PDB file of N, CA and C in Angstrom:
ATOM      1  N   MET A   1     -47.747  41.661  -3.859  1.00  0.00           N
ATOM      2  CA  MET A   1     -46.700  42.259  -3.074  1.00  0.00           C
ATOM      3  C   MET A   1     -47.069  42.296  -1.710  1.00  0.00           C
ATOM      4  N   SER A   2     -48.248  41.966  -1.360  1.00  0.00           N
ATOM      5  CA  SER A   2     -48.707  41.977   0.100  1.00  0.00           C
ATOM      6  C   SER A   2     -48.233  40.762   0.767  1.00  0.00           C
ATOM      7  N   GLU A   3     -47.702  39.856  -0.015  1.00  0.00           N
ATOM      8  CA  GLU A   3     -47.173  38.604   0.736  1.00  0.00           C
ATOM      9  C   GLU A   3     -45.880  38.908   1.399  1.00  0.00           C
ATOM     10  N   GLU A   4     -45.660  38.411   2.490  1.00  0.00           N
ATOM     11  CA  GLU A   4     -44.218  38.621   3.246  1.00  0.00           C
ATOM     12  C   GLU A   4     -43.390  37.353   2.980  1.00  0.00           C
ATOM     13  N   LYS A   5     -42.235  37.640   2.769  1.00  0.00           N
ATOM     14  CA  LYS A   5     -41.353  36.544   2.470  1.00  0.00           C
ATOM     15  C   LYS A   5     -40.979  35.870   3.766  1.00  0.00           C
ATOM     16  N   GLU A   6     -41.035  34.466   3.718  1.00  0.00           N
ATOM     17  CA  GLU A   6     -40.631  33.733   5.012  1.00  0.00           C
ATOM     18  C   GLU A   6     -39.111  33.735   4.932  1.00  0.00           C
ATOM     19  N   VAL A   7     -38.447  34.159   5.998  1.00  0.00           N
ATOM     20  CA  VAL A   7     -37.080  34.185   6.125  1.00  0.00           C
ATOM     21  C   VAL A   7     -36.632  33.527   7.348  1.00  0.00           C
ATOM     22  N   GLY A   8     -35.554  32.830   7.402  1.00  0.00           N
ATOM     23  CA  GLY A   8     -35.142  32.275   8.632  1.00  0.00           C
ATOM     24  C   GLY A   8     -35.119  30.642   8.478  1.00  0.00           C
ATOM     25  N   PHE A   9     -34.782  30.062   9.447  1.00  0.00           N
ATOM     26  CA  PHE A   9     -34.658  28.563   9.398  1.00  0.00           C
ATOM     27  C   PHE A   9     -35.830  27.816   9.071  1.00  0.00           C
ATOM     28  N   PHE A  10     -36.985  28.090   9.586  1.00  0.00           N
ATOM     29  CA  PHE A  10     -38.171  27.370   9.328  1.00  0.00           C
ATOM     30  C   PHE A  10     -38.668  27.641   7.972  1.00  0.00           C
ATOM     31  N   GLY A  11     -38.516  28.662   7.390  1.00  0.00           N
ATOM     32  CA  GLY A  11     -38.847  29.000   5.996  1.00  0.00           C
ATOM     33  C   GLY A  11     -38.071  28.184   5.099  1.00  0.00           C
ATOM     34  N   GLN A  12     -36.752  28.004   5.456  1.00  0.00           N
ATOM     35  CA  GLN A  12     -35.794  27.285   4.492  1.00  0.00           C
ATOM     36  C   GLN A  12     -36.242  25.749   4.668  1.00  0.00           C
ATOM     37  N   LEU A  13     -36.473  25.326   5.953  1.00  0.00           N
ATOM     38  CA  LEU A  13     -36.916  23.981   6.078  1.00  0.00           C
ATOM     39  C   LEU A  13     -37.982  23.672   5.347  1.00  0.00           C
ATOM     40  N   LYS A  14     -39.200  24.456   5.372  1.00  0.00           N
ATOM     41  CA  LYS A  14     -40.299  24.273   4.659  1.00  0.00           C
ATOM     42  C   LYS A  14     -40.099  24.003   3.252  1.00  0.00           C
ATOM     43  N   ASN A  15     -39.249  24.896   2.674  1.00  0.00           N
ATOM     44  CA  ASN A  15     -39.057  24.778   1.069  1.00  0.00           C
ATOM     45  C   ASN A  15     -38.229  23.571   0.879  1.00  0.00           C
ATOM     46  N   GLN A  16     -37.404  23.015   1.609  1.00  0.00           N
ATOM     47  CA  GLN A  16     -36.529  21.834   1.706  1.00  0.00           C
ATOM     48  C   GLN A  16     -37.553  20.608   1.614  1.00  0.00           C
ATOM     49  N   ILE A  17     -38.410  20.564   2.474  1.00  0.00           N
ATOM     50  CA  ILE A  17     -39.294  19.549   2.690  1.00  0.00           C
ATOM     51  C   ILE A  17     -40.142  19.478   1.526  1.00  0.00           C
ATOM     52  N   ILE A  18     -40.808  20.525   0.860  1.00  0.00           N
ATOM     53  CA  ILE A  18     -41.546  20.578  -0.270  1.00  0.00           C
ATOM     54  C   ILE A  18     -40.842  20.066  -1.461  1.00  0.00           C
ATOM     55  N   THR A  19     -39.532  20.579  -1.618  1.00  0.00           N
ATOM     56  CA  THR A  19     -38.690  20.030  -2.701  1.00  0.00           C
ATOM     57  C   THR A  19     -38.490  18.468  -2.602  1.00  0.00           C
ATOM     58  N   GLY A  20     -38.025  18.103  -1.435  1.00  0.00           N
ATOM     59  CA  GLY A  20     -37.905  16.657  -1.240  1.00  0.00           C
ATOM     60  C   GLY A  20     -39.156  15.705  -1.677  1.00  0.00           C
ATOM     61  N   ALA A  21     -40.242  16.241  -1.163  1.00  0.00           N
ATOM     62  CA  ALA A  21     -41.604  15.564  -1.387  1.00  0.00           C
ATOM     63  C   ALA A  21     -41.692  15.634  -3.053  1.00  0.00           C
ATOM     64  N   GLY A  22     -41.508  16.504  -3.769  1.00  0.00           N
ATOM     65  CA  GLY A  22     -41.521  16.683  -5.113  1.00  0.00           C
ATOM     66  C   GLY A  22     -40.656  15.600  -5.723  1.00  0.00           C
ATOM     67  N   VAL A  23     -39.565  15.427  -5.423  1.00  0.00           N
ATOM     68  CA  VAL A  23     -38.568  14.572  -6.000  1.00  0.00           C
ATOM     69  C   VAL A  23     -39.100  13.159  -5.732  1.00  0.00           C
ATOM     70  N   ILE A  24     -39.513  12.860  -4.657  1.00  0.00           N
ATOM     71  CA  ILE A  24     -40.080  11.421  -4.173  1.00  0.00           C
ATOM     72  C   ILE A  24     -41.302  11.167  -5.097  1.00  0.00           C
ATOM     73  N   LEU A  25     -42.181  12.108  -5.319  1.00  0.00           N
ATOM     74  CA  LEU A  25     -43.380  11.840  -5.907  1.00  0.00           C
ATOM     75  C   LEU A  25     -43.046  11.521  -7.467  1.00  0.00           C
ATOM     76  N   THR A  26     -42.128  12.355  -7.913  1.00  0.00           N
ATOM     77  CA  THR A  26     -41.741  12.226  -9.404  1.00  0.00           C
ATOM     78  C   THR A  26     -41.120  10.790  -9.695  1.00  0.00           C
ATOM     79  N   THR A  27     -40.191  10.422  -8.611  1.00  0.00           N
ATOM     80  CA  THR A  27     -39.509   9.137  -8.803  1.00  0.00           C
ATOM     81  C   THR A  27     -40.677   7.923  -8.661  1.00  0.00           C
ATOM     82  N   LEU A  28     -41.570   8.094  -7.748  1.00  0.00           N
ATOM     83  CA  LEU A  28     -42.653   7.109  -7.574  1.00  0.00           C
ATOM     84  C   LEU A  28     -43.450   6.978  -8.958  1.00  0.00           C
ATOM     85  N   GLY A  29     -43.713   8.181  -9.432  1.00  0.00           N
ATOM     86  CA  GLY A  29     -44.413   8.253 -10.599  1.00  0.00           C
ATOM     87  C   GLY A  29     -43.876   7.618 -11.816  1.00  0.00           C
ATOM     88  N   THR A  30     -42.588   7.824 -11.915  1.00  0.00           N
ATOM     89  CA  THR A  30     -41.710   7.300 -13.037  1.00  0.00           C
ATOM     90  C   THR A  30     -41.695   5.730 -13.018  1.00  0.00           C
ATOM     91  N   ILE A  31     -41.536   5.126 -11.713  1.00  0.00           N
ATOM     92  CA  ILE A  31     -41.490   3.734 -11.479  1.00  0.00           C
ATOM     93  C   ILE A  31     -42.823   3.187 -11.732  1.00  0.00           C
ATOM     94  N   PHE A  32     -43.813   3.879 -11.301  1.00  0.00           N
ATOM     95  CA  PHE A  32     -45.312   3.303 -11.641  1.00  0.00           C
ATOM     96  C   PHE A  32     -45.515   3.274 -13.038  1.00  0.00           C
ATOM     97  N   ILE A  33     -45.422   4.331 -13.844  1.00  0.00           N
ATOM     98  CA  ILE A  33     -45.430   4.304 -15.231  1.00  0.00           C
ATOM     99  C   ILE A  33     -44.619   3.120 -16.076  1.00  0.00           C
ATOM    100  N   ASP A  34     -43.361   2.963 -15.398  1.00  0.00           N
ATOM    101  CA  ASP A  34     -42.650   1.941 -16.184  1.00  0.00           C
ATOM    102  C   ASP A  34     -43.087   0.520 -15.865  1.00  0.00           C
ATOM    103  N   GLU A  35     -43.735   0.269 -14.657  1.00  0.00           N
ATOM    104  CA  GLU A  35     -44.354  -0.884 -14.356  1.00  0.00           C
ATOM    105  C   GLU A  35     -45.615  -1.205 -15.290  1.00  0.00           C
ATOM    106  N   ILE A  36     -46.437  -0.135 -15.345  1.00  0.00           N
ATOM    107  CA  ILE A  36     -47.511  -0.321 -16.242  1.00  0.00           C
ATOM    108  C   ILE A  36     -47.246  -0.629 -17.599  1.00  0.00           C
ATOM    109  N   LYS A  37     -46.116   0.185 -18.324  1.00  0.00           N
ATOM    110  CA  LYS A  37     -45.712  -0.215 -19.551  1.00  0.00           C
ATOM    111  C   LYS A  37     -45.375  -1.623 -19.628  1.00  0.00           C
ATOM    112  N   SER A  38     -44.573  -2.168 -18.723  1.00  0.00           N
ATOM    113  CA  SER A  38     -44.088  -3.581 -18.848  1.00  0.00           C
ATOM    114  C   SER A  38     -45.327  -4.595 -18.620  1.00  0.00           C
ATOM    115  N   ILE A  39     -46.331  -4.187 -17.904  1.00  0.00           N
ATOM    116  CA  ILE A  39     -47.543  -5.057 -17.682  1.00  0.00           C
ATOM    117  C   ILE A  39     -48.398  -4.989 -19.051  1.00  0.00           C
ATOM    118  N   VAL A  40     -48.606  -3.860 -19.692  1.00  0.00           N
ATOM    119  CA  VAL A  40     -49.350  -3.707 -20.944  1.00  0.00           C
ATOM    120  C   VAL A  40     -48.396  -4.296 -22.077  1.00  0.00           C
ATOM    121  N   GLY A  41     -47.243  -4.269 -22.109  1.00  0.00           N
ATOM    122  CA  GLY A  41     -46.395  -4.782 -23.225  1.00  0.00           C
ATOM    123  C   GLY A  41     -45.759  -3.640 -23.987  1.00  0.00           C
ATOM    124  N   ILE A  42     -45.819  -2.449 -23.415  1.00  0.00           N
ATOM    125  CA  ILE A  42     -45.203  -1.395 -24.221  1.00  0.00           C
ATOM    126  C   ILE A  42     -44.018  -1.035 -23.480  1.00  0.00           C
ATOM    127  N   GLU A  43     -42.916  -1.473 -24.017  1.00  0.00           N
ATOM    128  CA  GLU A  43     -41.593  -1.197 -23.485  1.00  0.00           C
ATOM    129  C   GLU A  43     -40.714  -0.257 -24.165  1.00  0.00           C
ATOM    130  N   ASP A  44     -39.745   0.343 -23.702  1.00  0.00           N
ATOM    131  CA  ASP A  44     -38.794   1.109 -24.300  1.00  0.00           C
ATOM    132  C   ASP A  44     -37.790   0.357 -25.145  1.00  0.00           C
ATOM    133  N   GLU A  45     -37.316   1.077 -26.338  1.00  0.00           N
ATOM    134  CA  GLU A  45     -36.506   0.380 -27.315  1.00  0.00           C
ATOM    135  C   GLU A  45     -35.048   0.010 -26.608  1.00  0.00           C
ATOM    136  N   THR A  46     -34.726   0.986 -25.659  1.00  0.00           N
ATOM    137  CA  THR A  46     -33.281   0.633 -25.018  1.00  0.00           C
ATOM    138  C   THR A  46     -33.199  -0.650 -24.423  1.00  0.00           C
ATOM    139  N   GLU A  47     -34.102  -1.184 -23.951  1.00  0.00           N
ATOM    140  CA  GLU A  47     -34.119  -2.366 -23.157  1.00  0.00           C
ATOM    141  C   GLU A  47     -33.764  -3.491 -24.340  1.00  0.00           C
ATOM    142  N   GLN A  48     -34.352  -3.462 -25.449  1.00  0.00           N
ATOM    143  CA  GLN A  48     -34.302  -4.537 -26.583  1.00  0.00           C
ATOM    144  C   GLN A  48     -32.736  -4.273 -27.061  1.00  0.00           C
ATOM    145  N   VAL A  49     -32.312  -3.203 -27.233  1.00  0.00           N
ATOM    146  CA  VAL A  49     -30.971  -2.924 -27.746  1.00  0.00           C
ATOM    147  C   VAL A  49     -29.972  -3.409 -26.807  1.00  0.00           C
ATOM    148  N   GLN A  50     -30.172  -3.244 -25.398  1.00  0.00           N
ATOM    149  CA  GLN A  50     -29.201  -3.937 -24.461  1.00  0.00           C
ATOM    150  C   GLN A  50     -29.067  -5.321 -24.393  1.00  0.00           C
ATOM    151  N   GLY A  51     -30.371  -5.940 -24.662  1.00  0.00           N
ATOM    152  CA  GLY A  51     -30.390  -7.427 -24.695  1.00  0.00           C
ATOM    153  C   GLY A  51     -29.560  -8.133 -25.927  1.00  0.00           C
ATOM    154  N   ALA A  52     -29.757  -7.355 -26.971  1.00  0.00           N
ATOM    155  CA  ALA A  52     -28.830  -7.752 -28.253  1.00  0.00           C
ATOM    156  C   ALA A  52     -27.404  -7.410 -27.975  1.00  0.00           C
ATOM    157  N   GLN A  53     -26.952  -6.434 -27.307  1.00  0.00           N
ATOM    158  CA  GLN A  53     -25.631  -6.338 -26.936  1.00  0.00           C
ATOM    159  C   GLN A  53     -25.070  -7.293 -26.048  1.00  0.00           C
ATOM    160  N   GLN A  54     -25.860  -7.543 -24.963  1.00  0.00           N
ATOM    161  CA  GLN A  54     -25.356  -8.649 -24.056  1.00  0.00           C
ATOM    162  C   GLN A  54     -25.119 -10.072 -24.840  1.00  0.00           C
ATOM    163  N   SER A  55     -26.009 -10.345 -25.757  1.00  0.00           N
ATOM    164  CA  SER A  55     -25.931 -11.637 -26.501  1.00  0.00           C
ATOM    165  C   SER A  55     -24.623 -11.617 -27.362  1.00  0.00           C
ATOM    166  N   ASN A  56     -24.301 -10.440 -28.013  1.00  0.00           N
ATOM    167  CA  ASN A  56     -23.025 -10.245 -28.672  1.00  0.00           C
ATOM    168  C   ASN A  56     -21.877 -10.455 -27.876  1.00  0.00           C
ATOM    169  N   GLN A  57     -21.803  -9.892 -26.708  1.00  0.00           N
ATOM    170  CA  GLN A  57     -20.754  -9.800 -25.814  1.00  0.00           C
ATOM    171  C   GLN A  57     -20.408 -11.231 -25.376  1.00  0.00           C
ATOM    172  N   GLN A  58     -21.401 -11.940 -25.207  1.00  0.00           N
ATOM    173  CA  GLN A  58     -21.102 -13.478 -24.619  1.00  0.00           C
ATOM    174  C   GLN A  58     -20.617 -14.349 -25.724  1.00  0.00           C
ATOM    175  N   GLN A  59     -20.841 -14.006 -26.905  1.00  0.00           N
ATOM    176  CA  GLN A  59     -20.261 -14.908 -28.084  1.00  0.00           C
ATOM    177  C   GLN A  59     -18.757 -14.469 -28.419  1.00  0.00           C
ATOM    178  N   GLN A  60     -18.280 -13.368 -28.000  1.00  0.00           N
ATOM    179  CA  GLN A  60     -16.885 -12.881 -28.180  1.00  0.00           C
ATOM    180  C   GLN A  60     -15.906 -13.425 -27.146  1.00  0.00           C
ATOM    181  N   ASN A  61     -14.801 -14.008 -27.584  1.00  0.00           N
ATOM    182  CA  ASN A  61     -13.819 -14.516 -26.657  1.00  0.00           C
ATOM    183  C   ASN A  61     -12.845 -13.333 -26.482  1.00  0.00           C
ATOM    184  N   VAL A  62     -12.364 -13.027 -25.191  1.00  0.00           N
ATOM    185  CA  VAL A  62     -11.346 -12.140 -25.044  1.00  0.00           C
ATOM    186  C   VAL A  62     -10.113 -12.923 -24.597  1.00  0.00           C
ATOM    187  N   VAL A  63      -9.055 -12.602 -25.150  1.00  0.00           N
ATOM    188  CA  VAL A  63      -7.877 -13.013 -24.714  1.00  0.00           C
ATOM    189  C   VAL A  63      -6.945 -12.132 -24.263  1.00  0.00           C
ATOM    190  N   ILE A  64      -6.415 -12.206 -23.132  1.00  0.00           N
ATOM    191  CA  ILE A  64      -5.434 -11.191 -22.459  1.00  0.00           C
ATOM    192  C   ILE A  64      -4.261 -11.817 -22.256  1.00  0.00           C
ATOM    193  N   ASN A  65      -3.032 -11.310 -22.912  1.00  0.00           N
ATOM    194  CA  ASN A  65      -1.751 -11.762 -22.676  1.00  0.00           C
ATOM    195  C   ASN A  65      -1.047 -10.859 -21.621  1.00  0.00           C
ATOM    196  N   ILE A  66      -0.519 -11.555 -20.761  1.00  0.00           N
ATOM    197  CA  ILE A  66       0.286 -10.827 -19.590  1.00  0.00           C
ATOM    198  C   ILE A  66       1.704 -11.280 -19.900  1.00  0.00           C
ATOM    199  N   PRO A  67       2.555 -10.363 -20.048  1.00  0.00           N
ATOM    200  CA  PRO A  67       4.085 -10.690 -20.196  1.00  0.00           C
ATOM    201  C   PRO A  67       4.597 -11.278 -19.038  1.00  0.00           C
ATOM    202  N   GLU A  68       5.690 -12.150 -19.121  1.00  0.00           N
ATOM    203  CA  GLU A  68       6.297 -12.693 -17.797  1.00  0.00           C
ATOM    204  C   GLU A  68       6.919 -11.570 -17.085  1.00  0.00           C
ATOM    205  N   GLN A  69       6.709 -11.596 -15.828  1.00  0.00           N
ATOM    206  CA  GLN A  69       7.208 -10.623 -14.904  1.00  0.00           C
ATOM    207  C   GLN A  69       8.429 -11.040 -14.357  1.00  0.00           C
ATOM    208  N   LYS A  70       9.594 -10.243 -14.373  1.00  0.00           N
ATOM    209  CA  LYS A  70      10.732 -10.447 -13.781  1.00  0.00           C
ATOM    210  C   LYS A  70      10.795 -10.262 -12.177  1.00  0.00           C
ATOM    211  N   SER A  71      11.335 -10.892 -11.363  1.00  0.00           N
ATOM    212  CA  SER A  71      11.445 -10.615  -9.918  1.00  0.00           C
ATOM    213  C   SER A  71      12.424  -9.509  -9.788  1.00  0.00           C
ATOM    214  N   ALA A  72      12.113  -8.763  -8.769  1.00  0.00           N
ATOM    215  CA  ALA A  72      12.952  -7.464  -8.571  1.00  0.00           C
ATOM    216  C   ALA A  72      14.397  -7.974  -8.190  1.00  0.00           C
ATOM    217  N   GLU A  73      15.332  -7.196  -8.628  1.00  0.00           N
ATOM    218  CA  GLU A  73      16.756  -7.606  -8.409  1.00  0.00           C
ATOM    219  C   GLU A  73      17.211  -7.286  -7.002  1.00  0.00           C
ATOM    220  N   THR A  74      17.923  -8.206  -6.431  1.00  0.00           N
ATOM    221  CA  THR A  74      18.226  -8.006  -5.146  1.00  0.00           C
ATOM    222  C   THR A  74      19.686  -7.555  -5.081  1.00  0.00           C
ATOM    223  N   LYS A  75      19.920  -6.352  -4.282  1.00  0.00           N
ATOM    224  CA  LYS A  75      21.179  -5.752  -4.129  1.00  0.00           C
ATOM    225  C   LYS A  75      21.767  -6.127  -2.761  1.00  0.00           C
ATOM    226  N   THR A  76      23.033  -6.327  -2.732  1.00  0.00           N
ATOM    227  CA  THR A  76      23.737  -6.526  -1.395  1.00  0.00           C
ATOM    228  C   THR A  76      24.369  -5.198  -0.890  1.00  0.00           C
ATOM    229  N   VAL A  77      23.978  -4.871   0.326  1.00  0.00           N
ATOM    230  CA  VAL A  77      24.440  -3.481   0.921  1.00  0.00           C
ATOM    231  C   VAL A  77      25.473  -3.959   1.897  1.00  0.00           C
ATOM    232  N   ILE A  78      26.572  -3.455   1.926  1.00  0.00           N
ATOM    233  CA  ILE A  78      27.728  -3.628   2.924  1.00  0.00           C
ATOM    234  C   ILE A  78      27.934  -2.535   3.573  1.00  0.00           C
ATOM    235  N   ILE A  79      27.797  -2.560   4.963  1.00  0.00           N
ATOM    236  CA  ILE A  79      27.783  -1.382   5.770  1.00  0.00           C
ATOM    237  C   ILE A  79      29.140  -1.473   6.600  1.00  0.00           C
ATOM    238  N   LYS A  80      30.048  -0.610   6.415  1.00  0.00           N
ATOM    239  CA  LYS A  80      31.338  -0.647   7.155  1.00  0.00           C
ATOM    240  C   LYS A  80      31.123   0.210   8.318  1.00  0.00           C
ATOM    241  N   GLU A  81      31.727  -0.261   9.474  1.00  0.00           N
ATOM    242  CA  GLU A  81      31.671   0.499  10.686  1.00  0.00           C
ATOM    243  C   GLU A  81      32.745   1.491  10.667  1.00  0.00           C
ATOM    244  N   ALA A  82      32.456   2.695  11.018  1.00  0.00           N
ATOM    245  CA  ALA A  82      33.438   3.661  11.167  1.00  0.00           C
ATOM    246  C   ALA A  82      34.374   3.656  12.199  1.00  0.00           C
ATOM    247  N   ALA A  83      35.556   4.160  11.966  1.00  0.00           N
ATOM    248  CA  ALA A  83      36.520   4.060  13.214  1.00  0.00           C
ATOM    249  C   ALA A  83      36.095   4.653  14.407  1.00  0.00           C
ATOM    250  N   PRO A  84      36.267   4.262  15.549  1.00  0.00           N
ATOM    251  CA  PRO A  84      35.766   4.949  16.725  1.00  0.00           C
ATOM    252  C   PRO A  84      36.425   6.300  17.040  1.00  0.00           C
ATOM    253  N   VAL A  85      35.519   7.199  17.296  1.00  0.00           N
ATOM    254  CA  VAL A  85      35.866   8.710  17.278  1.00  0.00           C
ATOM    255  C   VAL A  85      36.457   8.768  18.596  1.00  0.00           C
ATOM    256  N   ALA A  86      37.613   9.658  18.660  1.00  0.00           N
ATOM    257  CA  ALA A  86      38.411   9.803  19.983  1.00  0.00           C
ATOM    258  C   ALA A  86      37.439  10.867  20.563  1.00  0.00           C
ATOM    259  N   LYS A  87      37.615  10.775  21.734  1.00  0.00           N
ATOM    260  CA  LYS A  87      36.793  11.505  22.738  1.00  0.00           C
ATOM    261  C   LYS A  87      37.363  12.886  22.695  1.00  0.00           C
ATOM    262  N   SER A  88      36.419  13.793  22.494  1.00  0.00           N
ATOM    263  CA  SER A  88      36.838  15.202  22.275  1.00  0.00           C
ATOM    264  C   SER A  88      36.782  15.879  23.603  1.00  0.00           C
ATOM    265  N   THR A  89      37.530  16.987  23.715  1.00  0.00           N
ATOM    266  CA  THR A  89      37.904  17.637  24.961  1.00  0.00           C
ATOM    267  C   THR A  89      36.663  18.292  25.259  1.00  0.00           C
ATOM    268  N   PRO A  90      36.262  18.420  26.522  1.00  0.00           N
ATOM    269  CA  PRO A  90      34.974  19.206  26.971  1.00  0.00           C
ATOM    270  C   PRO A  90      35.209  20.416  26.492  1.00  0.00           C
ATOM    271  N   PRO A  91      33.910  21.197  26.288  1.00  0.00           N
ATOM    272  CA  PRO A  91      34.052  22.578  26.018  1.00  0.00           C
ATOM    273  C   PRO A  91      34.421  23.327  27.068  1.00  0.00           C
ATOM    274  N   LYS A  92      35.160  24.562  26.798  1.00  0.00           N
ATOM    275  CA  LYS A  92      35.809  25.274  27.855  1.00  0.00           C
ATOM    276  C   LYS A  92      34.647  26.030  28.812  1.00  0.00           C
ATOM    277  N   LYS A  93      34.923  26.023  29.946  1.00  0.00           N
ATOM    278  CA  LYS A  93      33.988  26.702  30.909  1.00  0.00           C
ATOM    279  C   LYS A  93      34.085  27.925  30.941  1.00  0.00           C
ATOM    280  N   THR A  94      32.744  28.629  31.029  1.00  0.00           N
ATOM    281  CA  THR A  94      32.787  30.214  30.965  1.00  0.00           C
ATOM    282  C   THR A  94      33.248  30.735  32.310  1.00  0.00           C
ATOM    283  N   ASP A  95      33.280  32.019  32.402  1.00  0.00           N
ATOM    284  CA  ASP A  95      33.764  32.603  33.740  1.00  0.00           C
ATOM    285  C   ASP A  95      32.649  32.385  34.753  1.00  0.00           C
ATOM    286  N   THR A  96      31.404  32.415  34.296  1.00  0.00           N
ATOM    287  CA  THR A  96      30.274  32.212  35.412  1.00  0.00           C
ATOM    288  C   THR A  96      30.512  30.791  35.867  1.00  0.00           C
ATOM    289  N   GLU A  97      30.548  29.750  35.144  1.00  0.00           N
ATOM    290  CA  GLU A  97      30.693  28.380  35.710  1.00  0.00           C
ATOM    291  C   GLU A  97      31.825  28.150  36.549  1.00  0.00           C
ATOM    292  N   LYS A  98      33.002  28.783  36.282  1.00  0.00           N
ATOM    293  CA  LYS A  98      34.196  28.770  37.059  1.00  0.00           C
ATOM    294  C   LYS A  98      33.798  29.413  38.537  1.00  0.00           C
ATOM    295  N   ARG A  99      33.034  30.486  38.653  1.00  0.00           N
ATOM    296  CA  ARG A  99      32.789  31.146  39.797  1.00  0.00           C
ATOM    297  C   ARG A  99      31.849  30.312  40.510  1.00  0.00           C
ATOM    298  N   LYS A 100      30.992  29.486  39.954  1.00  0.00           N
ATOM    299  CA  LYS A 100      30.039  28.645  40.631  1.00  0.00           C
ATOM    300  C   LYS A 100      30.657  27.441  41.254  1.00  0.00           C
ATOM    301  N   GLU A 101      31.678  26.892  40.505  1.00  0.00           N
ATOM    302  CA  GLU A 101      32.461  25.909  41.111  1.00  0.00           C
ATOM    303  C   GLU A 101      33.135  26.207  42.415  1.00  0.00           C
ATOM    304  N   GLU A 102      33.736  27.580  42.327  1.00  0.00           N
ATOM    305  CA  GLU A 102      34.618  28.123  43.381  1.00  0.00           C
ATOM    306  C   GLU A 102      33.716  28.406  44.601  1.00  0.00           C
ATOM    307  N   GLY A 103      32.401  28.442  44.378  1.00  0.00           N
ATOM    308  CA  GLY A 103      31.485  28.832  45.603  1.00  0.00           C
ATOM    309  C   GLY A 103      31.184  30.036  45.516  1.00  0.00           C
ATOM    310  N   LEU A 104      31.441  31.005  44.464  1.00  0.00           N
ATOM    311  CA  LEU A 104      31.225  32.368  44.683  1.00  0.00           C
ATOM    312  C   LEU A 104      29.733  32.768  44.030  1.00  0.00           C
ATOM    313  N   ASP A 105      28.878  31.839  44.140  1.00  0.00           N
ATOM    314  CA  ASP A 105      27.549  31.901  43.598  1.00  0.00           C
ATOM    315  C   ASP A 105      26.846  33.155  44.392  1.00  0.00           C
ATOM    316  N   TRP A 106      26.260  34.069  43.746  1.00  0.00           N
ATOM    317  CA  TRP A 106      25.546  35.051  44.454  1.00  0.00           C
ATOM    318  C   TRP A 106      24.095  34.730  44.614  1.00  0.00           C
TER     319      TRP A 106
END
């Protein structure tokens, strides 16, 4: 209990570096042991099973039938022009606009 906990950015950074180094060492150890096994001649059974599966897959013929595809139907769209719209009467002017035109702007 006399140890003090490291809190803060550098404490977390230290823990992350240690964890990353552990993962790297574990990966390198696994690769090294696999290489030694392949040199000595002791290999996992999974590699032999995969080789047998690959040879079986090469002997099988796969036939895929794709049905004939029809082209998309074309539709003719006829656009009729609307009759010209009669000019509408301008909106009625308000009292304020009438006064401005007469020059009574304050």
